[in-house]
C-alpha atoms as a PDB file:
ATOM      1  CA  MET A   1     -18.107  19.516 -27.574  1.00  0.00           C
ATOM      2  CA  PRO A   2     -16.118  16.475 -26.317  1.00  0.00           C
ATOM      3  CA  LEU A   3     -16.377  13.267 -28.331  1.00  0.00           C
ATOM      4  CA  SER A   4     -16.453   9.973 -26.424  1.00  0.00           C
ATOM      5  CA  LEU A   5     -14.380   6.935 -27.323  1.00  0.00           C
ATOM      6  CA  ARG A   6     -17.617   5.066 -27.983  1.00  0.00           C
ATOM      7  CA  ALA A   7     -18.752   7.695 -30.494  1.00  0.00           C
ATOM      8  CA  MET A   8     -15.360   7.575 -32.217  1.00  0.00           C
ATOM      9  CA  ARG A   9     -15.648   3.784 -32.389  1.00  0.00           C
ATOM     10  CA  TYR A  10     -19.069   4.121 -34.066  1.00  0.00           C
ATOM     11  CA  VAL A  11     -17.679   6.650 -36.544  1.00  0.00           C
ATOM     12  CA  GLN A  12     -14.703   4.390 -37.303  1.00  0.00           C
ATOM     13  CA  VAL A  13     -16.874   1.358 -38.072  1.00  0.00           C
ATOM     14  CA  ALA A  14     -19.391   3.380 -40.110  1.00  0.00           C
ATOM     15  CA  MET A  15     -16.676   4.893 -42.294  1.00  0.00           C
ATOM     16  CA  ARG A  16     -15.031   1.509 -42.805  1.00  0.00           C
ATOM     17  CA  LYS A  17     -18.331  -0.188 -43.670  1.00  0.00           C
ATOM     18  CA  GLY A  18     -19.602   2.684 -45.787  1.00  0.00           C
ATOM     19  CA  SER A  19     -23.028   2.164 -44.287  1.00  0.00           C
ATOM     20  CA  ILE A  20     -24.771   3.301 -41.126  1.00  0.00           C
ATOM     21  CA  SER A  21     -27.005   0.215 -41.035  1.00  0.00           C
ATOM     22  CA  ALA A  22     -24.065  -2.150 -41.609  1.00  0.00           C
ATOM     23  CA  ALA A  23     -22.119  -0.441 -38.828  1.00  0.00           C
ATOM     24  CA  ALA A  24     -25.117  -0.691 -36.505  1.00  0.00           C
ATOM     25  CA  GLU A  25     -25.392  -4.419 -37.225  1.00  0.00           C
ATOM     26  CA  THR A  26     -21.660  -4.941 -36.580  1.00  0.00           C
ATOM     27  CA  LEU A  27     -21.773  -2.961 -33.341  1.00  0.00           C
ATOM     28  CA  ASN A  28     -25.115  -4.456 -32.265  1.00  0.00           C
ATOM     29  CA  VAL A  29     -26.650  -1.027 -31.718  1.00  0.00           C
ATOM     30  CA  ALA A  30     -29.495   0.928 -33.282  1.00  0.00           C
ATOM     31  CA  PRO A  31     -28.734   2.765 -36.564  1.00  0.00           C
ATOM     32  CA  SER A  32     -29.810   5.987 -34.860  1.00  0.00           C
ATOM     33  CA  ALA A  33     -26.890   5.614 -32.399  1.00  0.00           C
ATOM     34  CA  VAL A  34     -24.391   5.444 -35.271  1.00  0.00           C
ATOM     35  CA  ALA A  35     -26.025   8.360 -37.090  1.00  0.00           C
ATOM     36  CA  SER A  36     -25.969  10.383 -33.880  1.00  0.00           C
ATOM     37  CA  ALA A  37     -22.252   9.625 -33.358  1.00  0.00           C
ATOM     38  CA  LEU A  38     -21.507  10.833 -36.907  1.00  0.00           C
ATOM     39  CA  GLY A  39     -23.419  14.029 -36.248  1.00  0.00           C
ATOM     40  CA  GLN A  40     -21.568  14.579 -32.939  1.00  0.00           C
ATOM     41  CA  ALA A  41     -18.211  14.009 -34.649  1.00  0.00           C
ATOM     42  CA  GLU A  42     -18.982  16.499 -37.426  1.00  0.00           C
ATOM     43  CA  GLU A  43     -20.051  19.063 -34.834  1.00  0.00           C
ATOM     44  CA  ALA A  44     -16.969  18.441 -32.698  1.00  0.00           C
ATOM     45  CA  PHE A  45     -14.490  18.636 -35.592  1.00  0.00           C
ATOM     46  CA  GLY A  46     -16.357  21.362 -37.449  1.00  0.00           C
ATOM     47  CA  VAL A  47     -16.189  19.572 -40.823  1.00  0.00           C
ATOM     48  CA  THR A  48     -18.386  17.300 -42.937  1.00  0.00           C
ATOM     49  CA  LEU A  49     -17.017  13.793 -42.585  1.00  0.00           C
ATOM     50  CA  VAL A  50     -19.234  11.845 -45.002  1.00  0.00           C
ATOM     51  CA  THR A  51     -21.606  12.312 -47.874  1.00  0.00           C
ATOM     52  CA  ARG A  52     -24.898  10.501 -47.460  1.00  0.00           C
ATOM     53  CA  ALA A  53     -26.948   8.763 -50.160  1.00  0.00           C
ATOM     54  CA  ARG A  54     -29.956   6.565 -49.438  1.00  0.00           C
ATOM     55  CA  SER A  55     -29.060   3.886 -51.956  1.00  0.00           C
ATOM     56  CA  LYS A  56     -25.278   4.082 -51.718  1.00  0.00           C
ATOM     57  CA  GLY A  57     -24.736   4.508 -47.991  1.00  0.00           C
ATOM     58  CA  ILE A  58     -22.019   6.939 -46.875  1.00  0.00           C
ATOM     59  CA  SER A  59     -18.681   7.972 -48.388  1.00  0.00           C
ATOM     60  CA  PRO A  60     -15.860   9.759 -46.528  1.00  0.00           C
ATOM     61  CA  THR A  61     -15.052  13.279 -47.672  1.00  0.00           C
ATOM     62  CA  LEU A  62     -11.418  14.407 -48.005  1.00  0.00           C
ATOM     63  CA  SER A  63     -11.615  15.876 -44.522  1.00  0.00           C
ATOM     64  CA  GLY A  64     -13.365  12.728 -43.365  1.00  0.00           C
ATOM     65  CA  ARG A  65     -10.501  10.518 -44.559  1.00  0.00           C
ATOM     66  CA  ASN A  66      -8.035  12.698 -42.659  1.00  0.00           C
ATOM     67  CA  VAL A  67     -10.128  12.488 -39.491  1.00  0.00           C
ATOM     68  CA  GLN A  68     -10.576   8.732 -40.018  1.00  0.00           C
ATOM     69  CA  ARG A  69      -6.802   8.176 -40.037  1.00  0.00           C
ATOM     70  CA  ARG A  70      -6.500  10.119 -36.787  1.00  0.00           C
ATOM     71  CA  ILE A  71      -9.352   8.208 -35.169  1.00  0.00           C
ATOM     72  CA  ASP A  72      -7.783   4.902 -36.280  1.00  0.00           C
ATOM     73  CA  ASP A  73      -4.455   5.940 -34.737  1.00  0.00           C
ATOM     74  CA  LEU A  74      -6.011   7.113 -31.470  1.00  0.00           C
ATOM     75  CA  LEU A  75      -8.160   3.984 -31.017  1.00  0.00           C
ATOM     76  CA  GLU A  76      -5.249   1.708 -31.904  1.00  0.00           C
ATOM     77  CA  ARG A  77      -3.075   3.339 -29.247  1.00  0.00           C
ATOM     78  CA  TYR A  78      -5.954   3.206 -26.764  1.00  0.00           C
ATOM     79  CA  ASP A  79      -6.494  -0.525 -27.414  1.00  0.00           C
ATOM     80  CA  ALA A  80      -2.745  -1.169 -27.050  1.00  0.00           C
ATOM     81  CA  MET A  81      -2.679   0.701 -23.739  1.00  0.00           C
ATOM     82  CA  MET A  82      -5.631  -1.307 -22.398  1.00  0.00           C
ATOM     83  CA  THR A  83      -3.918  -4.546 -23.441  1.00  0.00           C
ATOM     84  CA  ASP A  84      -0.683  -3.503 -21.733  1.00  0.00           C
ATOM     85  CA  VAL A  85      -2.514  -2.600 -18.519  1.00  0.00           C
ATOM     86  CA  SER A  86      -4.406  -5.903 -18.601  1.00  0.00           C
ATOM     87  CA  ASP A  87      -1.126  -7.788 -19.033  1.00  0.00           C
ATOM     88  CA  LEU A  88       0.392  -5.826 -16.147  1.00  0.00           C
ATOM     89  CA  GLN A  89      -2.464  -6.869 -13.871  1.00  0.00           C
ATOM     90  CA  ALA A  90      -2.237 -10.500 -14.931  1.00  0.00           C
ATOM     91  CA  GLU A  91       1.532 -11.055 -14.912  1.00  0.00           C
ATOM     92  CA  LEU A  92       3.666 -11.540 -11.834  1.00  0.00           C
ATOM     93  CA  SER A  93       6.541  -9.371 -13.019  1.00  0.00           C
ATOM     94  CA  GLY A  94       8.027  -5.912 -12.765  1.00  0.00           C
ATOM     95  CA  THR A  95       9.051  -3.942  -9.666  1.00  0.00           C
ATOM     96  CA  LEU A  96       7.208  -3.745  -6.350  1.00  0.00           C
ATOM     97  CA  THR A  97       8.082  -0.643  -4.323  1.00  0.00           C
ATOM     98  CA  ILE A  98       7.392  -0.997  -0.608  1.00  0.00           C
ATOM     99  CA  GLY A  99       7.441   1.923   1.812  1.00  0.00           C
ATOM    100  CA  TYR A 100       7.683   0.856   5.427  1.00  0.00           C
ATOM    101  CA  ASN A 101       7.500   2.565   8.798  1.00  0.00           C
ATOM    102  CA  ALA A 102       7.554  -0.449  11.116  1.00  0.00           C
ATOM    103  CA  PRO A 103      10.955  -0.269  12.868  1.00  0.00           C
ATOM    104  CA  ILE A 104      11.305  -4.070  12.870  1.00  0.00           C
ATOM    105  CA  ALA A 105      10.113  -4.612   9.285  1.00  0.00           C
ATOM    106  CA  PRO A 106      13.590  -5.981   8.346  1.00  0.00           C
ATOM    107  CA  ALA A 107      12.822  -8.918  10.654  1.00  0.00           C
ATOM    108  CA  PHE A 108       9.993 -10.245   8.473  1.00  0.00           C
ATOM    109  CA  LEU A 109       9.635  -8.424   5.130  1.00  0.00           C
ATOM    110  CA  PRO A 110      12.694 -10.138   3.571  1.00  0.00           C
ATOM    111  CA  GLU A 111      11.323 -13.552   4.552  1.00  0.00           C
ATOM    112  CA  ILE A 112       7.925 -12.813   2.999  1.00  0.00           C
ATOM    113  CA  THR A 113       9.323 -11.432  -0.240  1.00  0.00           C
ATOM    114  CA  ALA A 114      11.992 -14.147  -0.536  1.00  0.00           C
ATOM    115  CA  GLU A 115       9.239 -16.745  -0.857  1.00  0.00           C
ATOM    116  CA  ILE A 116       7.623 -14.735  -3.655  1.00  0.00           C
ATOM    117  CA  ARG A 117      10.924 -14.329  -5.511  1.00  0.00           C
ATOM    118  CA  ALA A 118      11.710 -18.029  -5.138  1.00  0.00           C
ATOM    119  CA  SER A 119       8.792 -18.777  -7.452  1.00  0.00           C
ATOM    120  CA  HIS A 120       9.157 -15.648  -9.579  1.00  0.00           C
ATOM    121  CA  PRO A 121      12.843 -14.647  -9.772  1.00  0.00           C
ATOM    122  CA  GLU A 122      12.146 -12.116 -12.528  1.00  0.00           C
ATOM    123  CA  ILE A 123      10.520  -9.609 -10.156  1.00  0.00           C
ATOM    124  CA  THR A 124      12.419  -6.710  -8.557  1.00  0.00           C
ATOM    125  CA  LEU A 125      11.849  -5.348  -5.054  1.00  0.00           C
ATOM    126  CA  SER A 126      12.489  -1.851  -3.716  1.00  0.00           C
ATOM    127  CA  PHE A 127      12.308  -1.179   0.056  1.00  0.00           C
ATOM    128  CA  ILE A 128      12.229   2.421   1.327  1.00  0.00           C
ATOM    129  CA  ASP A 129      12.211   3.317   5.028  1.00  0.00           C
ATOM    130  CA  GLY A 130      10.294   6.314   6.362  1.00  0.00           C
ATOM    131  CA  ASP A 131       8.110   7.542   9.182  1.00  0.00           C
ATOM    132  CA  ASN A 132       4.387   6.952   9.423  1.00  0.00           C
ATOM    133  CA  THR A 133       3.494  10.205   7.663  1.00  0.00           C
ATOM    134  CA  SER A 134       6.095  10.089   4.899  1.00  0.00           C
ATOM    135  CA  VAL A 135       5.189   6.572   3.762  1.00  0.00           C
ATOM    136  CA  GLN A 136       1.511   7.521   3.529  1.00  0.00           C
ATOM    137  CA  ASN A 137       2.403  10.620   1.512  1.00  0.00           C
ATOM    138  CA  GLY A 138       4.599   8.436  -0.684  1.00  0.00           C
ATOM    139  CA  LEU A 139       1.708   6.091  -1.386  1.00  0.00           C
ATOM    140  CA  LEU A 140      -0.643   8.968  -2.208  1.00  0.00           C
ATOM    141  CA  SER A 141       1.906  10.543  -4.560  1.00  0.00           C
ATOM    142  CA  GLY A 142       2.446   7.258  -6.394  1.00  0.00           C
ATOM    143  CA  HIS A 143       6.015   6.588  -5.194  1.00  0.00           C
ATOM    144  CA  PHE A 144       5.016   3.353  -3.411  1.00  0.00           C
ATOM    145  CA  ASP A 145       2.857   0.429  -4.505  1.00  0.00           C
ATOM    146  CA  VAL A 146       2.181  -0.571  -0.905  1.00  0.00           C
ATOM    147  CA  ILE A 147       3.142   0.624   2.565  1.00  0.00           C
ATOM    148  CA  LEU A 148       3.594  -0.961   5.978  1.00  0.00           C
ATOM    149  CA  PHE A 149       2.406   1.481   8.641  1.00  0.00           C
ATOM    150  CA  VAL A 150       0.233   2.163  11.688  1.00  0.00           C
ATOM    151  CA  GLU A 151      -3.066   3.766  10.709  1.00  0.00           C
ATOM    152  CA  GLU A 152      -3.912   6.726  12.944  1.00  0.00           C
ATOM    153  CA  LEU A 153      -6.743   8.447  11.066  1.00  0.00           C
ATOM    154  CA  PRO A 154      -8.826   6.847   8.279  1.00  0.00           C
ATOM    155  CA  ASN A 155      -8.039   8.127   4.783  1.00  0.00           C
ATOM    156  CA  SER A 156     -10.455   7.304   1.960  1.00  0.00           C
ATOM    157  CA  GLN A 157      -7.547   7.347  -0.503  1.00  0.00           C
ATOM    158  CA  ILE A 158      -5.786   4.507   1.327  1.00  0.00           C
ATOM    159  CA  GLU A 159      -7.226   1.008   1.588  1.00  0.00           C
ATOM    160  CA  VAL A 160      -6.016  -0.657   4.786  1.00  0.00           C
ATOM    161  CA  LEU A 161      -5.472  -4.308   5.643  1.00  0.00           C
ATOM    162  CA  PRO A 162      -4.703  -4.856   9.361  1.00  0.00           C
ATOM    163  CA  LEU A 163      -2.007  -7.505   9.840  1.00  0.00           C
ATOM    164  CA  VAL A 164      -1.328  -7.819  13.554  1.00  0.00           C
ATOM    165  CA  PHE A 165      -2.188  -6.094  16.835  1.00  0.00           C
ATOM    166  CA  ALA A 166       0.900  -5.580  18.977  1.00  0.00           C
ATOM    167  CA  PRO A 167       0.324  -4.873  22.699  1.00  0.00           C
ATOM    168  CA  THR A 168       2.772  -2.531  24.419  1.00  0.00           C
ATOM    169  CA  TYR A 169       5.464  -4.310  26.439  1.00  0.00           C
ATOM    170  CA  CYS A 170       8.388  -3.343  28.661  1.00  0.00           C
ATOM    171  CA  LEU A 171      11.917  -4.052  27.434  1.00  0.00           C
ATOM    172  CA  CYS A 172      14.558  -4.527  30.110  1.00  0.00           C
ATOM    173  CA  ARG A 173      17.774  -6.427  30.729  1.00  0.00           C
ATOM    174  CA  SER A 174      17.239 -10.093  31.523  1.00  0.00           C
ATOM    175  CA  ASP A 175      18.891  -9.623  34.937  1.00  0.00           C
ATOM    176  CA  HIS A 176      16.622  -6.679  35.797  1.00  0.00           C
ATOM    177  CA  PRO A 177      14.117  -7.192  38.667  1.00  0.00           C
ATOM    178  CA  LEU A 178      11.204  -6.545  36.274  1.00  0.00           C
ATOM    179  CA  ALA A 179      12.224  -9.586  34.249  1.00  0.00           C
ATOM    180  CA  ARG A 180      12.103 -11.993  37.178  1.00  0.00           C
ATOM    181  CA  GLY A 181       8.389 -12.023  37.892  1.00  0.00           C
ATOM    182  CA  GLY A 182       5.185 -11.841  35.884  1.00  0.00           C
ATOM    183  CA  PRO A 183       3.824  -8.841  34.008  1.00  0.00           C
ATOM    184  CA  ALA A 184       5.141  -5.422  35.075  1.00  0.00           C
ATOM    185  CA  SER A 185       2.779  -2.677  36.143  1.00  0.00           C
ATOM    186  CA  ILE A 186       2.943   0.815  34.676  1.00  0.00           C
ATOM    187  CA  ALA A 187       3.766   2.131  38.163  1.00  0.00           C
ATOM    188  CA  GLU A 188       6.822  -0.170  38.361  1.00  0.00           C
ATOM    189  CA  ILE A 189       7.981   0.882  34.898  1.00  0.00           C
ATOM    190  CA  LEU A 190       7.648   4.606  35.658  1.00  0.00           C
ATOM    191  CA  ARG A 191      10.051   4.262  38.596  1.00  0.00           C
ATOM    192  CA  GLU A 192      12.813   3.136  36.244  1.00  0.00           C
ATOM    193  CA  PRO A 193      15.062   5.305  34.034  1.00  0.00           C
ATOM    194  CA  LEU A 194      13.366   5.285  30.645  1.00  0.00           C
ATOM    195  CA  VAL A 195      14.679   4.984  27.095  1.00  0.00           C
ATOM    196  CA  LEU A 196      12.191   6.470  24.606  1.00  0.00           C
ATOM    197  CA  LEU A 197      11.750   5.452  20.969  1.00  0.00           C
ATOM    198  CA  ASP A 198      11.694   8.881  19.365  1.00  0.00           C
ATOM    199  CA  ARG A 199       9.990   8.413  16.000  1.00  0.00           C
ATOM    200  CA  PRO A 200       7.206  10.808  14.862  1.00  0.00           C
ATOM    201  CA  ALA A 201       4.206   8.552  15.534  1.00  0.00           C
ATOM    202  CA  ALA A 202       5.828   6.487  18.292  1.00  0.00           C
ATOM    203  CA  ARG A 203       6.918   9.408  20.468  1.00  0.00           C
ATOM    204  CA  ALA A 204       3.389  10.823  20.856  1.00  0.00           C
ATOM    205  CA  TYR A 205       1.996   7.360  21.545  1.00  0.00           C
ATOM    206  CA  TYR A 206       4.526   6.473  24.276  1.00  0.00           C
ATOM    207  CA  MET A 207       4.447   9.936  25.880  1.00  0.00           C
ATOM    208  CA  ASP A 208       0.649   9.691  26.147  1.00  0.00           C
ATOM    209  CA  LEU A 209       0.972   6.250  27.738  1.00  0.00           C
ATOM    210  CA  LEU A 210       3.544   7.530  30.254  1.00  0.00           C
ATOM    211  CA  ASP A 211       1.485  10.606  31.104  1.00  0.00           C
ATOM    212  CA  LYS A 212      -1.573   8.453  31.785  1.00  0.00           C
ATOM    213  CA  GLY A 213       0.484   6.557  34.371  1.00  0.00           C
ATOM    214  CA  GLY A 214      -0.212   9.419  36.779  1.00  0.00           C
ATOM    215  CA  GLU A 215       3.302   9.465  38.261  1.00  0.00           C
ATOM    216  CA  ALA A 216       6.535  11.326  37.620  1.00  0.00           C
ATOM    217  CA  TYR A 217       8.973   9.603  35.262  1.00  0.00           C
ATOM    218  CA  HIS A 218      12.494  10.205  34.015  1.00  0.00           C
ATOM    219  CA  ILE A 219      13.525   9.801  30.377  1.00  0.00           C
ATOM    220  CA  VAL A 220      17.291   9.312  30.349  1.00  0.00           C
ATOM    221  CA  ALA A 221      17.790   8.638  26.638  1.00  0.00           C
ATOM    222  CA  THR A 222      15.952   8.856  23.318  1.00  0.00           C
ATOM    223  CA  ALA A 223      16.718   7.122  20.028  1.00  0.00           C
ATOM    224  CA  ASN A 224      14.991   7.141  16.656  1.00  0.00           C
ATOM    225  CA  SER A 225      15.662   3.475  15.856  1.00  0.00           C
ATOM    226  CA  THR A 226      14.445   0.350  17.598  1.00  0.00           C
ATOM    227  CA  GLU A 227      17.896  -1.226  17.429  1.00  0.00           C
ATOM    228  CA  MET A 228      19.465   1.703  19.297  1.00  0.00           C
ATOM    229  CA  VAL A 229      16.722   1.501  21.945  1.00  0.00           C
ATOM    230  CA  ARG A 230      17.339  -2.232  22.349  1.00  0.00           C
ATOM    231  CA  SER A 231      21.079  -1.719  22.607  1.00  0.00           C
ATOM    232  CA  LEU A 232      20.726   1.066  25.176  1.00  0.00           C
ATOM    233  CA  VAL A 233      18.521  -1.215  27.263  1.00  0.00           C
ATOM    234  CA  ALA A 234      20.983  -4.104  26.857  1.00  0.00           C
ATOM    235  CA  ALA A 235      23.776  -1.820  28.077  1.00  0.00           C
ATOM    236  CA  GLY A 236      21.830  -1.011  31.240  1.00  0.00           C
ATOM    237  CA  THR A 237      20.861   2.582  30.382  1.00  0.00           C
ATOM    238  CA  GLY A 238      17.238   2.015  31.370  1.00  0.00           C
ATOM    239  CA  VAL A 239      14.041   0.236  30.388  1.00  0.00           C
ATOM    240  CA  SER A 240      11.774   1.036  27.471  1.00  0.00           C
ATOM    241  CA  LEU A 241       8.294   0.609  26.079  1.00  0.00           C
ATOM    242  CA  LEU A 242       7.911  -0.990  22.656  1.00  0.00           C
ATOM    243  CA  ASN A 243       5.249  -2.850  20.693  1.00  0.00           C
ATOM    244  CA  MET A 244       6.784  -5.257  18.207  1.00  0.00           C
ATOM    245  CA  ARG A 245       9.871  -7.335  18.796  1.00  0.00           C
ATOM    246  CA  PRO A 246      12.306  -8.782  16.220  1.00  0.00           C
ATOM    247  CA  GLY A 247      11.863 -12.386  17.279  1.00  0.00           C
ATOM    248  CA  ASN A 248      14.796 -13.775  19.256  1.00  0.00           C
ATOM    249  CA  VAL A 249      17.379 -11.481  17.651  1.00  0.00           C
ATOM    250  CA  PRO A 250      19.908 -10.263  20.263  1.00  0.00           C
ATOM    251  CA  ALA A 251      20.726  -6.557  20.613  1.00  0.00           C
ATOM    252  CA  TYR A 252      23.932  -5.185  19.114  1.00  0.00           C
ATOM    253  CA  ALA A 253      25.185  -4.181  22.566  1.00  0.00           C
ATOM    254  CA  LYS A 254      26.327  -6.861  25.009  1.00  0.00           C
ATOM    255  CA  GLY A 255      23.757  -8.013  27.519  1.00  0.00           C
ATOM    256  CA  GLU A 256      20.636 -10.106  27.217  1.00  0.00           C
ATOM    257  CA  ILE A 257      17.246  -8.422  27.133  1.00  0.00           C
ATOM    258  CA  SER A 258      13.719  -9.550  27.999  1.00  0.00           C
ATOM    259  CA  CYS A 259      10.276  -8.531  26.789  1.00  0.00           C
ATOM    260  CA  VAL A 260       7.944  -8.195  29.771  1.00  0.00           C
ATOM    261  CA  PRO A 261       4.147  -7.868  29.375  1.00  0.00           C
ATOM    262  CA  VAL A 262       2.509  -4.773  30.866  1.00  0.00           C
ATOM    263  CA  ALA A 263      -0.047  -5.815  33.478  1.00  0.00           C
ATOM    264  CA  GLY A 264      -3.638  -4.902  32.707  1.00  0.00           C
ATOM    265  CA  SER A 265      -2.707  -2.851  29.672  1.00  0.00           C
ATOM    266  CA  THR A 266      -5.029  -2.606  26.686  1.00  0.00           C
ATOM    267  CA  HIS A 267      -2.647  -0.297  24.832  1.00  0.00           C
ATOM    268  CA  GLY A 268      -1.142  -1.366  21.541  1.00  0.00           C
ATOM    269  CA  VAL A 269      -0.813  -0.574  17.868  1.00  0.00           C
ATOM    270  CA  THR A 270      -2.067  -2.365  14.774  1.00  0.00           C
ATOM    271  CA  LEU A 271       0.480  -2.902  12.053  1.00  0.00           C
ATOM    272  CA  SER A 272      -1.242  -2.627   8.672  1.00  0.00           C
ATOM    273  CA  LEU A 273      -0.700  -2.631   4.943  1.00  0.00           C
ATOM    274  CA  GLY A 274      -1.869   0.368   2.943  1.00  0.00           C
ATOM    275  CA  PHE A 275      -2.474   0.556  -0.801  1.00  0.00           C
ATOM    276  CA  ALA A 276      -4.576   2.446  -3.327  1.00  0.00           C
ATOM    277  CA  PRO A 277      -8.232   1.345  -3.566  1.00  0.00           C
ATOM    278  CA  GLY A 278      -9.405  -0.405  -6.707  1.00  0.00           C
ATOM    279  CA  PRO A 279      -8.014  -3.100  -9.020  1.00  0.00           C
ATOM    280  CA  LYS A 280      -4.496  -4.307  -8.209  1.00  0.00           C
ATOM    281  CA  ARG A 281      -1.858  -5.826 -10.426  1.00  0.00           C
ATOM    282  CA  ARG A 282      -1.114  -9.438  -9.641  1.00  0.00           C
ATOM    283  CA  LEU A 283       2.302  -8.857  -8.031  1.00  0.00           C
ATOM    284  CA  LEU A 284       0.799  -6.445  -5.500  1.00  0.00           C
ATOM    285  CA  GLN A 285      -2.083  -8.805  -4.714  1.00  0.00           C
ATOM    286  CA  VAL A 286       0.313 -11.725  -4.183  1.00  0.00           C
ATOM    287  CA  PHE A 287       2.372  -9.589  -1.772  1.00  0.00           C
ATOM    288  CA  ILE A 288      -0.765  -8.535   0.151  1.00  0.00           C
ATOM    289  CA  ASP A 289      -1.976 -12.137   0.412  1.00  0.00           C
ATOM    290  CA  SER A 290       1.484 -13.335   1.498  1.00  0.00           C
ATOM    291  CA  CYS A 291       1.679 -10.761   4.304  1.00  0.00           C
ATOM    292  CA  ALA A 292      -1.801 -11.647   5.546  1.00  0.00           C
ATOM    293  CA  ALA A 293      -0.996 -15.372   5.549  1.00  0.00           C
ATOM    294  CA  TYR A 294       2.327 -14.775   7.304  1.00  0.00           C
ATOM    295  CA  PHE A 295       0.749 -13.017  10.277  1.00  0.00           C
ATOM    296  CA  GLN A 296      -2.093 -15.488  10.526  1.00  0.00           C
ATOM    297  CA  GLY A 297       0.490 -18.139  11.362  1.00  0.00           C
ATOM    298  CA  ALA A 298       3.094 -18.423  14.101  1.00  0.00           C
ATOM    299  CA  ALA A 299       4.576 -15.015  13.274  1.00  0.00           C
ATOM    300  CA  LYS A 300       2.061 -13.238  15.494  1.00  0.00           C
ATOM    301  CA  ALA A 301       3.475 -14.912  18.609  1.00  0.00           C
ATOM    302  CA  GLU A 302       7.044 -14.436  17.403  1.00  0.00           C
ATOM    303  CA  PHE A 303       6.813 -10.680  16.929  1.00  0.00           C
ATOM    304  CA  THR A 304       4.384  -9.630  19.664  1.00  0.00           C
ATOM    305  CA  VAL A 305       4.222  -9.944  23.459  1.00  0.00           C
ATOM    306  CA  ASP A 306       0.842 -11.103  24.740  1.00  0.00           C
ATOM    307  CA  VAL A 307      -0.371  -9.353  27.874  1.00  0.00           C
ATOM    308  CA  ALA A 308      -1.438 -12.730  29.261  1.00  0.00           C
ATOM    309  CA  SER A 309       1.917 -14.401  28.564  1.00  0.00           C
END
């Protein structure tokens, strides 16, 4: 029969006080609760723990003293663990491990975390890149404290905080005809040679968008990084569809590029934070709050292309 921590606490106090009634008064419970805990402990351990006398209270037996030492040790270690966990939640220290899928996360995550470290230089940060599935698996397996990803299907084991909705836009060279007017239509984009961002979640999303265009299209190049896509477009290989942009950062390849809104499009993705449900240590909560505040400001306009722009 399992013995609860509460019952062990009652037994500990009773054996220290040498009295069931004195223990009950200390614990602010009924004497019957203490007596019941003693009975449960004797049944669980299979030994008599105390001798009982009406006028003299209770006295530990030899076996009882041995069990008492073990209970004292267990409860002491339990109390120390709870104190350590409480300190961990309260202090802004330790390491924060961030798994991220967003291809342009390097454009804003360092800025967000630099502000946190400026006030708390003792913390350590670990950034690990992955695809949308691998970062979620990493969170569920305990490898990450928090992830930056695009939620596709709800998962009760992951609490989600949406940060920013990023409409789909067309990326082309600045001297391309699509960059000279207003928003580009899907039909106009499909007539161009296409460069596809070939990441696990992104590929299915963009292929579905292209297929819904209802016209034939030609993919001339694929790349699994946003920077390679941007550089291929800058070099004149073709145009591409993307969702978030790294601010005004130029592509590695020579040639200026432009982000053109897609006319009438309601397509887009929501970049979100994911973390385990329940209480959070202070460092994680500060990071979550900092990300939310960052995208409530001017960052939304800096990293997304509004359909109406």
